[in-house]
Amino acid sequence: MEREQHEQYEYARRRLKQKKELYFHFVLLILGSIFMFIANQFAVFGITSNWAIWVITFWFFLFILHFIKVFITDRFMNRNWERDQIDRLVAKQQQKIHQLQNQIEEDSSKNSR
């Protein structure tokens, strides 16, 4: 029982860390976008094109990927999902091993006749 509580605590702690990093990424995106937009308007870097729009768009795309990872992918593919997949794969391997053993036994009994 204690191990299960510890696993639940670790899962909650890991999820909290993921969400905290996502929120930090969002704040950084907003502040960085404002800075780049202002820098682009004043042509600080001597470039007259709208480079900031492209950089902000790319950064926003990365943020969306981060969001999907935290709130969609990791939410469903958690430790329980991993255990289920491992159990399923182990059962499949054991079934194949059992089939091979039966086949070997059948072959050896045919050969001994």
C-alpha atoms as a PDB file:
ATOM      1  CA  MET A   1       0.000   0.000   0.000  1.00  0.00           C
ATOM      2  CA  GLU A   2       2.808   2.383   0.908  1.00  0.00           C
ATOM      3  CA  ARG A   3       4.561   1.738  -2.420  1.00  0.00           C
ATOM      4  CA  GLU A   4       1.375   2.617  -4.295  1.00  0.00           C
ATOM      5  CA  GLN A   5       1.038   5.877  -2.350  1.00  0.00           C
ATOM      6  CA  HIS A   6       4.663   6.702  -3.112  1.00  0.00           C
ATOM      7  CA  GLU A   7       4.086   6.041  -6.834  1.00  0.00           C
ATOM      8  CA  GLN A   8       1.002   8.255  -6.788  1.00  0.00           C
ATOM      9  CA  TYR A   9       2.990  10.995  -5.071  1.00  0.00           C
ATOM     10  CA  GLU A  10       5.828  10.702  -7.614  1.00  0.00           C
ATOM     11  CA  TYR A  11       3.351  10.794 -10.504  1.00  0.00           C
ATOM     12  CA  ALA A  12       1.663  13.901  -9.045  1.00  0.00           C
ATOM     13  CA  ARG A  13       5.037  15.548  -8.469  1.00  0.00           C
ATOM     14  CA  ARG A  14       6.155  14.803 -12.039  1.00  0.00           C
ATOM     15  CA  ARG A  15       2.881  16.118 -13.501  1.00  0.00           C
ATOM     16  CA  LEU A  16       3.157  19.276 -11.400  1.00  0.00           C
ATOM     17  CA  LYS A  17       6.710  19.810 -12.661  1.00  0.00           C
ATOM     18  CA  GLN A  18       5.562  19.345 -16.271  1.00  0.00           C
ATOM     19  CA  LYS A  19       2.738  21.864 -15.859  1.00  0.00           C
ATOM     20  CA  LYS A  20       5.031  24.331 -14.108  1.00  0.00           C
ATOM     21  CA  GLU A  21       7.534  24.111 -16.982  1.00  0.00           C
ATOM     22  CA  LEU A  22       4.706  24.585 -19.500  1.00  0.00           C
ATOM     23  CA  TYR A  23       3.446  27.715 -17.709  1.00  0.00           C
ATOM     24  CA  PHE A  24       7.010  29.057 -17.559  1.00  0.00           C
ATOM     25  CA  HIS A  25       7.348  28.354 -21.297  1.00  0.00           C
ATOM     26  CA  PHE A  26       4.123  30.295 -21.915  1.00  0.00           C
ATOM     27  CA  VAL A  27       5.284  33.328 -19.912  1.00  0.00           C
ATOM     28  CA  LEU A  28       8.653  33.221 -21.658  1.00  0.00           C
ATOM     29  CA  LEU A  29       6.881  33.027 -25.022  1.00  0.00           C
ATOM     30  CA  ILE A  30       4.781  36.101 -24.246  1.00  0.00           C
ATOM     31  CA  LEU A  31       7.678  38.175 -22.903  1.00  0.00           C
ATOM     32  CA  GLY A  32      10.048  37.044 -25.654  1.00  0.00           C
ATOM     33  CA  SER A  33       7.428  37.794 -28.314  1.00  0.00           C
ATOM     34  CA  ILE A  34       6.885  41.300 -26.970  1.00  0.00           C
ATOM     35  CA  PHE A  35      10.643  41.911 -26.922  1.00  0.00           C
ATOM     36  CA  MET A  36      11.109  40.585 -30.476  1.00  0.00           C
ATOM     37  CA  PHE A  37       8.147  42.581 -31.771  1.00  0.00           C
ATOM     38  CA  ILE A  38       9.530  45.794 -30.258  1.00  0.00           C
ATOM     39  CA  ALA A  39      13.050  44.996 -31.503  1.00  0.00           C
ATOM     40  CA  ASN A  40      11.660  44.391 -34.981  1.00  0.00           C
ATOM     41  CA  GLN A  41       9.754  47.690 -34.933  1.00  0.00           C
ATOM     42  CA  PHE A  42      12.861  49.649 -34.013  1.00  0.00           C
ATOM     43  CA  ALA A  43      15.064  47.574 -36.352  1.00  0.00           C
ATOM     44  CA  VAL A  44      17.575  47.011 -33.574  1.00  0.00           C
ATOM     45  CA  PHE A  45      19.415  44.379 -35.573  1.00  0.00           C
ATOM     46  CA  GLY A  46      19.443  46.366 -38.817  1.00  0.00           C
ATOM     47  CA  ILE A  47      17.003  43.981 -40.514  1.00  0.00           C
ATOM     48  CA  THR A  48      13.944  45.615 -42.073  1.00  0.00           C
ATOM     49  CA  SER A  49      11.817  42.510 -42.708  1.00  0.00           C
ATOM     50  CA  ASN A  50       9.265  41.025 -40.315  1.00  0.00           C
ATOM     51  CA  TRP A  51      11.657  38.446 -38.896  1.00  0.00           C
ATOM     52  CA  ALA A  52      10.002  38.627 -35.486  1.00  0.00           C
ATOM     53  CA  ILE A  53       6.715  37.279 -36.863  1.00  0.00           C
ATOM     54  CA  TRP A  54       8.491  34.190 -38.220  1.00  0.00           C
ATOM     55  CA  VAL A  55      10.403  33.586 -35.003  1.00  0.00           C
ATOM     56  CA  ILE A  56       7.282  34.067 -32.858  1.00  0.00           C
ATOM     57  CA  THR A  57       5.283  31.736 -35.118  1.00  0.00           C
ATOM     58  CA  PHE A  58       7.953  29.034 -34.868  1.00  0.00           C
ATOM     59  CA  TRP A  59       8.217  29.500 -31.101  1.00  0.00           C
ATOM     60  CA  PHE A  60       4.411  29.311 -30.777  1.00  0.00           C
ATOM     61  CA  PHE A  61       4.462  26.051 -32.758  1.00  0.00           C
ATOM     62  CA  LEU A  62       7.012  24.641 -30.278  1.00  0.00           C
ATOM     63  CA  PHE A  63       4.791  25.781 -27.409  1.00  0.00           C
ATOM     64  CA  ILE A  64       1.817  23.959 -28.960  1.00  0.00           C
ATOM     65  CA  LEU A  65       3.916  20.784 -29.172  1.00  0.00           C
ATOM     66  CA  HIS A  66       4.907  21.209 -25.524  1.00  0.00           C
ATOM     67  CA  PHE A  67       1.233  21.728 -24.590  1.00  0.00           C
ATOM     68  CA  ILE A  68       0.196  18.567 -26.468  1.00  0.00           C
ATOM     69  CA  LYS A  69       2.914  16.576 -24.729  1.00  0.00           C
ATOM     70  CA  VAL A  70       1.903  17.736 -21.251  1.00  0.00           C
ATOM     71  CA  PHE A  71      -1.891  17.734 -21.499  1.00  0.00           C
ATOM     72  CA  ILE A  72      -2.609  15.056 -24.094  1.00  0.00           C
ATOM     73  CA  THR A  73       0.216  12.593 -24.635  1.00  0.00           C
ATOM     74  CA  ASP A  74       1.547  12.278 -21.080  1.00  0.00           C
ATOM     75  CA  ARG A  75      -1.937  12.324 -19.622  1.00  0.00           C
ATOM     76  CA  PHE A  76      -2.896   9.108 -21.390  1.00  0.00           C
ATOM     77  CA  MET A  77       0.509   7.482 -21.696  1.00  0.00           C
ATOM     78  CA  ASN A  78       1.321   7.484 -18.009  1.00  0.00           C
ATOM     79  CA  ARG A  79       2.854   4.803 -15.803  1.00  0.00           C
ATOM     80  CA  ASN A  80      -0.329   2.682 -15.821  1.00  0.00           C
ATOM     81  CA  TRP A  81      -0.360   2.700 -19.625  1.00  0.00           C
ATOM     82  CA  GLU A  82       3.303   1.675 -19.650  1.00  0.00           C
ATOM     83  CA  ARG A  83       2.609  -1.203 -17.251  1.00  0.00           C
ATOM     84  CA  ASP A  84      -0.330  -2.398 -19.338  1.00  0.00           C
ATOM     85  CA  GLN A  85       1.800  -2.330 -22.488  1.00  0.00           C
ATOM     86  CA  ILE A  86       4.650  -4.186 -20.778  1.00  0.00           C
ATOM     87  CA  ASP A  87       2.252  -6.798 -19.364  1.00  0.00           C
ATOM     88  CA  ARG A  88       0.687  -7.264 -22.791  1.00  0.00           C
ATOM     89  CA  LEU A  89       4.072  -7.663 -24.487  1.00  0.00           C
ATOM     90  CA  VAL A  90       5.355 -10.075 -21.817  1.00  0.00           C
ATOM     91  CA  ALA A  91       2.195 -12.168 -22.138  1.00  0.00           C
ATOM     92  CA  LYS A  92       2.631 -12.233 -25.910  1.00  0.00           C
ATOM     93  CA  GLN A  93       6.266 -13.347 -25.553  1.00  0.00           C
ATOM     94  CA  GLN A  94       5.322 -16.042 -23.044  1.00  0.00           C
ATOM     95  CA  GLN A  95       2.649 -17.298 -25.404  1.00  0.00           C
ATOM     96  CA  LYS A  96       5.188 -17.548 -28.242  1.00  0.00           C
ATOM     97  CA  ILE A  97       7.656 -19.346 -25.962  1.00  0.00           C
ATOM     98  CA  HIS A  98       4.924 -21.775 -24.915  1.00  0.00           C
ATOM     99  CA  GLN A  99       4.005 -22.409 -28.560  1.00  0.00           C
ATOM    100  CA  LEU A 100       7.651 -23.045 -29.438  1.00  0.00           C
ATOM    101  CA  GLN A 101       8.041 -25.432 -26.500  1.00  0.00           C
ATOM    102  CA  ASN A 102       4.939 -27.323 -27.594  1.00  0.00           C
ATOM    103  CA  GLN A 103       6.246 -27.474 -31.148  1.00  0.00           C
ATOM    104  CA  ILE A 104       9.628 -28.764 -29.939  1.00  0.00           C
ATOM    105  CA  GLU A 105       7.911 -31.393 -27.792  1.00  0.00           C
ATOM    106  CA  GLU A 106       5.747 -32.474 -30.731  1.00  0.00           C
ATOM    107  CA  ASP A 107       8.771 -32.667 -33.041  1.00  0.00           C
ATOM    108  CA  SER A 108      10.819 -34.612 -30.511  1.00  0.00           C
ATOM    109  CA  SER A 109       7.939 -37.052 -29.896  1.00  0.00           C
ATOM    110  CA  LYS A 110       7.561 -37.599 -33.674  1.00  0.00           C
ATOM    111  CA  ASN A 111      11.287 -38.168 -34.051  1.00  0.00           C
ATOM    112  CA  SER A 112      11.435 -40.641 -31.163  1.00  0.00           C
ATOM    113  CA  ARG A 113       8.785 -42.873 -32.744  1.00  0.00           C
END
